[in-house]
Amino acid sequence: MERKKILLRLDPVVHDALSRWASDELRSTNSQIEFLLRRALSEAGRLPDGVGRMRPRGRPRKANEGDGAEEDGGEEDDPAADPEERRGASG
């Protein structure tokens, strides 16, 4: 399904704060906005039943990244893994 595109006008100070928050959460600003909107909809009881899941946080994995990591005891899905280590390992 194609994702909807919208133009969103924000106060620059709000945008900066949102961007910093997104960075702290390893998300893009766009993903952070969607995350917050989904949470608000859910808390208000207005999130539709058929809504798809969001992508996981962080940079998408390369096609060959993580091959065999399960066998080697890799921690690729460990949310407590150090983000700096993950960035350094990918190049």
Protein backbone atom coordinates (compact mmCIF):
# COMPACT_ATOMS: atom_id res chain seq x y z
CA MET A 1 0.00 0.00 0.00
CA GLU A 2 1.34 3.43 -0.92
CA ARG A 3 1.93 5.77 2.00
CA LYS A 4 0.15 9.12 2.10
CA LYS A 5 2.20 12.29 1.70
CA ILE A 6 1.26 15.50 3.49
CA LEU A 7 2.73 18.93 3.95
CA LEU A 8 3.14 19.77 7.62
CA ARG A 9 4.01 23.24 8.84
CA LEU A 10 5.68 23.39 12.25
CA ASP A 11 7.14 26.08 14.45
CA PRO A 12 10.93 25.81 13.96
CA VAL A 13 11.50 25.36 17.71
CA VAL A 14 8.97 22.50 17.80
CA HIS A 15 10.63 20.93 14.75
CA ASP A 16 14.07 21.14 16.35
CA ALA A 17 12.83 19.53 19.57
CA LEU A 18 11.05 16.80 17.59
CA SER A 19 14.18 16.14 15.52
CA ARG A 20 16.34 15.79 18.64
CA TRP A 21 13.79 13.44 20.21
CA ALA A 22 13.66 11.37 17.01
CA SER A 23 17.44 11.14 16.95
CA ASP A 24 17.49 9.96 20.57
CA GLU A 25 14.98 7.23 19.63
CA LEU A 26 16.92 6.22 16.47
CA ARG A 27 14.04 7.32 14.25
CA SER A 28 13.69 9.81 11.43
CA THR A 29 11.68 12.92 12.21
CA ASN A 30 8.94 11.61 9.93
CA SER A 31 8.83 8.26 11.75
CA GLN A 32 8.76 10.03 15.12
CA ILE A 33 5.74 12.08 14.01
CA GLU A 34 3.96 8.91 12.86
CA PHE A 35 4.86 7.12 16.10
CA LEU A 36 3.44 9.97 18.20
CA LEU A 37 0.28 10.19 16.09
CA ARG A 38 -0.31 6.45 16.37
CA ARG A 39 0.20 6.58 20.13
CA ALA A 40 -2.23 9.50 20.46
CA LEU A 41 -4.81 7.69 18.31
CA SER A 42 -4.41 4.53 20.38
CA GLU A 43 -4.75 6.36 23.70
CA ALA A 44 -7.89 8.10 22.40
CA GLY A 45 -9.36 4.78 21.26
CA ARG A 46 -9.30 5.94 17.64
CA LEU A 47 -6.58 3.75 16.11
CA PRO A 48 -8.25 1.58 13.43
CA ASP A 49 -8.02 -2.20 13.83
CA GLY A 50 -6.50 -2.76 10.37
CA VAL A 51 -3.60 -0.34 10.75
CA GLY A 52 -0.24 -1.77 9.68
CA ARG A 53 2.79 -1.99 11.94
CA MET A 54 5.56 0.57 11.85
CA ARG A 55 9.07 -0.36 10.79
CA PRO A 56 11.44 -1.04 13.68
CA ARG A 57 13.66 1.79 14.91
CA GLY A 58 17.06 2.44 13.40
CA ARG A 59 18.61 2.16 9.98
CA PRO A 60 17.23 -0.62 7.74
CA ARG A 61 19.52 -3.64 7.52
CA LYS A 62 21.40 -4.43 4.33
CA ALA A 63 20.28 -7.58 2.51
CA ASN A 64 23.36 -9.62 3.56
CA GLU A 65 23.61 -8.13 7.06
CA GLY A 66 22.74 -10.54 9.86
CA ASP A 67 22.99 -13.71 7.76
CA GLY A 68 23.78 -16.49 10.21
CA ALA A 69 23.78 -14.16 13.23
CA GLU A 70 21.31 -16.39 15.03
CA GLU A 71 23.68 -19.34 14.71
CA ASP A 72 26.60 -17.27 15.99
CA GLY A 73 24.64 -16.00 18.97
CA GLY A 74 24.47 -12.49 17.49
CA GLU A 75 22.49 -9.78 19.26
CA GLU A 76 21.04 -8.15 16.16
CA ASP A 77 17.56 -7.75 17.65
CA ASP A 78 18.70 -6.78 21.16
CA PRO A 79 17.16 -3.39 21.94
CA ALA A 80 19.79 -2.87 24.63
CA ALA A 81 22.64 -3.23 22.13
CA ASP A 82 24.80 -0.12 21.89
CA PRO A 83 23.68 1.98 18.86
CA GLU A 84 27.27 3.18 18.34
CA GLU A 85 28.45 -0.41 17.98
CA ARG A 86 25.74 -1.13 15.40
CA ARG A 87 26.70 1.95 13.37
CA GLY A 88 30.39 1.03 13.50
CA ALA A 89 29.73 -2.54 12.42
CA SER A 90 27.80 -1.52 9.28
CA GLY A 91 30.64 0.53 7.82
